[in-house]
Amino acid sequence: MRASVLLKSSLLTSLFVISSCATTKYSEDISKNNYSNLQAGKVYVVTMKDGSKKQKMLFRNTDAENLIGTAGKKDSTEVIIPKSNVAAVKDRSKARVTAGATVIGAAGVAAIVISSLRAD
């Protein structure tokens, strides 16, 4: 029984570790930030440092001071976001994985609690 609880706990922990990789945060010092992990053609949600509304963008490329993309796959409106105002960038496909992992994690916790209650 103890091995079963250990297995369930390790599965739950690994799901949370996987889901924690969905957001890349950036520091105040722009020169330390590496935007090379952003991939052209992917949709990202950009959180601003000044607290303004999050922006969704289909990433295209970067220049020295800006992130450049479009408003979406069907909307070709150009979006330019200053790197100095970027707090975090979230990959939308990984955000879906995070939501799924959260649901699975909650179910795992419930299973552990129920199995431990039945063991007593």
Protein backbone atom coordinates (compact mmCIF):
# COMPACT_ATOMS: atom_id res chain seq x y z
CA MET A 1 0.00 0.00 0.00
CA ARG A 2 2.84 2.35 0.83
CA ALA A 3 4.39 1.87 -2.63
CA SER A 4 1.06 2.72 -4.24
CA VAL A 5 0.81 6.03 -2.36
CA LEU A 6 4.46 6.78 -3.20
CA LEU A 7 3.81 6.09 -6.87
CA LYS A 8 0.75 8.32 -6.93
CA SER A 9 2.61 11.10 -5.13
CA SER A 10 5.54 10.98 -7.54
CA LEU A 11 3.15 11.04 -10.51
CA LEU A 12 1.40 14.08 -9.08
CA THR A 13 4.70 15.85 -8.43
CA SER A 14 5.93 15.20 -11.97
CA LEU A 15 2.70 16.64 -13.42
CA PHE A 16 3.14 19.86 -11.47
CA VAL A 17 6.80 20.12 -12.53
CA ILE A 18 5.82 19.71 -16.18
CA SER A 19 3.05 22.30 -15.89
CA SER A 20 5.34 24.87 -14.27
CA CYS A 21 7.25 25.32 -17.54
CA ALA A 22 4.41 27.16 -19.28
CA THR A 23 5.58 30.71 -18.57
CA THR A 24 8.91 32.41 -19.21
CA LYS A 25 9.50 35.42 -16.96
CA TYR A 26 11.87 38.23 -17.79
CA SER A 27 13.96 40.41 -15.49
CA GLU A 28 14.26 44.17 -15.19
CA ASP A 29 17.69 44.11 -16.87
CA ILE A 30 16.83 43.81 -20.57
CA SER A 31 20.39 42.81 -21.54
CA LYS A 32 20.07 39.60 -19.49
CA ASN A 33 16.83 38.51 -21.16
CA ASN A 34 17.08 35.89 -23.87
CA TYR A 35 14.18 35.99 -26.29
CA SER A 36 15.69 33.29 -28.54
CA ASN A 37 13.38 30.64 -27.05
CA LEU A 38 10.36 32.36 -28.66
CA GLN A 39 9.43 30.63 -31.90
CA ALA A 40 8.12 32.42 -34.97
CA GLY A 41 4.59 31.37 -35.91
CA LYS A 42 3.48 30.53 -32.36
CA VAL A 43 0.83 32.41 -30.43
CA TYR A 44 2.02 33.92 -27.13
CA VAL A 45 0.31 35.90 -24.40
CA VAL A 46 2.53 38.75 -23.19
CA THR A 47 2.13 40.16 -19.66
CA MET A 48 3.24 43.76 -19.24
CA LYS A 49 5.28 45.17 -16.35
CA ASP A 50 3.12 48.28 -16.13
CA GLY A 51 0.01 46.19 -15.35
CA SER A 52 -1.78 47.00 -18.59
CA LYS A 53 -3.93 44.45 -20.38
CA LYS A 54 -2.21 41.24 -21.53
CA GLN A 55 -1.60 41.10 -25.26
CA LYS A 56 -2.00 38.07 -27.47
CA MET A 57 0.33 37.96 -30.44
CA LEU A 58 1.43 35.65 -33.22
CA PHE A 59 5.19 36.05 -32.76
CA ARG A 60 7.27 36.90 -35.83
CA ASN A 61 10.69 38.15 -34.67
CA THR A 62 12.58 40.53 -32.41
CA ASP A 63 14.75 43.54 -33.01
CA ALA A 64 17.05 45.31 -30.55
CA GLU A 65 14.22 46.86 -28.54
CA ASN A 66 10.91 45.21 -29.53
CA LEU A 67 8.97 41.99 -29.94
CA ILE A 68 7.26 42.03 -33.33
CA GLY A 69 4.26 40.02 -34.42
CA THR A 70 0.65 40.18 -35.52
CA ALA A 71 -2.59 40.27 -33.54
CA GLY A 72 -3.50 36.72 -34.56
CA LYS A 73 -3.45 34.13 -37.31
CA LYS A 74 -6.38 35.74 -39.10
CA ASP A 75 -5.76 39.34 -37.99
CA SER A 76 -2.69 40.80 -39.71
CA THR A 77 -2.58 43.95 -37.57
CA GLU A 78 1.06 44.46 -36.58
CA VAL A 79 1.81 44.30 -32.86
CA ILE A 80 5.04 45.83 -31.51
CA ILE A 81 5.78 45.37 -27.82
CA PRO A 82 8.82 47.05 -26.21
CA LYS A 83 11.08 44.51 -24.50
CA SER A 84 11.45 46.94 -21.60
CA ASN A 85 7.73 46.50 -20.81
CA VAL A 86 7.62 42.66 -20.95
CA ALA A 87 7.21 40.88 -17.61
CA ALA A 88 6.33 37.38 -18.83
CA VAL A 89 5.53 35.50 -22.02
CA LYS A 90 3.20 32.52 -21.93
CA ASP A 91 2.94 29.94 -24.68
CA ARG A 92 -0.78 29.33 -25.27
CA SER A 93 -0.32 25.67 -26.17
CA LYS A 94 1.60 25.08 -22.93
CA ALA A 95 -1.12 26.94 -21.04
CA ARG A 96 -3.58 24.29 -22.19
CA VAL A 97 -1.21 21.62 -20.91
CA THR A 98 -1.07 23.45 -17.59
CA ALA A 99 -4.85 23.48 -17.32
CA GLY A 100 -5.00 19.77 -18.10
CA ALA A 101 -2.23 18.99 -15.62
CA THR A 102 -4.06 20.96 -12.93
CA VAL A 103 -7.22 18.92 -13.46
CA ILE A 104 -5.25 15.67 -13.45
CA GLY A 105 -3.34 16.82 -10.36
CA ALA A 106 -6.55 17.59 -8.50
CA ALA A 107 -7.89 14.15 -9.43
CA GLY A 108 -4.62 12.59 -8.25
CA VAL A 109 -4.79 14.36 -4.90
CA ALA A 110 -8.40 13.24 -4.49
CA ALA A 111 -7.39 9.65 -5.30
CA ILE A 112 -4.57 9.74 -2.74
CA VAL A 113 -6.85 11.15 -0.05
CA ILE A 114 -9.62 8.62 -0.77
CA SER A 115 -7.20 5.67 -0.86
CA SER A 116 -5.57 6.74 2.39
CA LEU A 117 -8.99 7.12 4.05
CA ARG A 118 -10.01 3.62 2.95
CA ALA A 119 -6.71 2.17 4.20
CA ASP A 120 -7.55 3.19 7.77
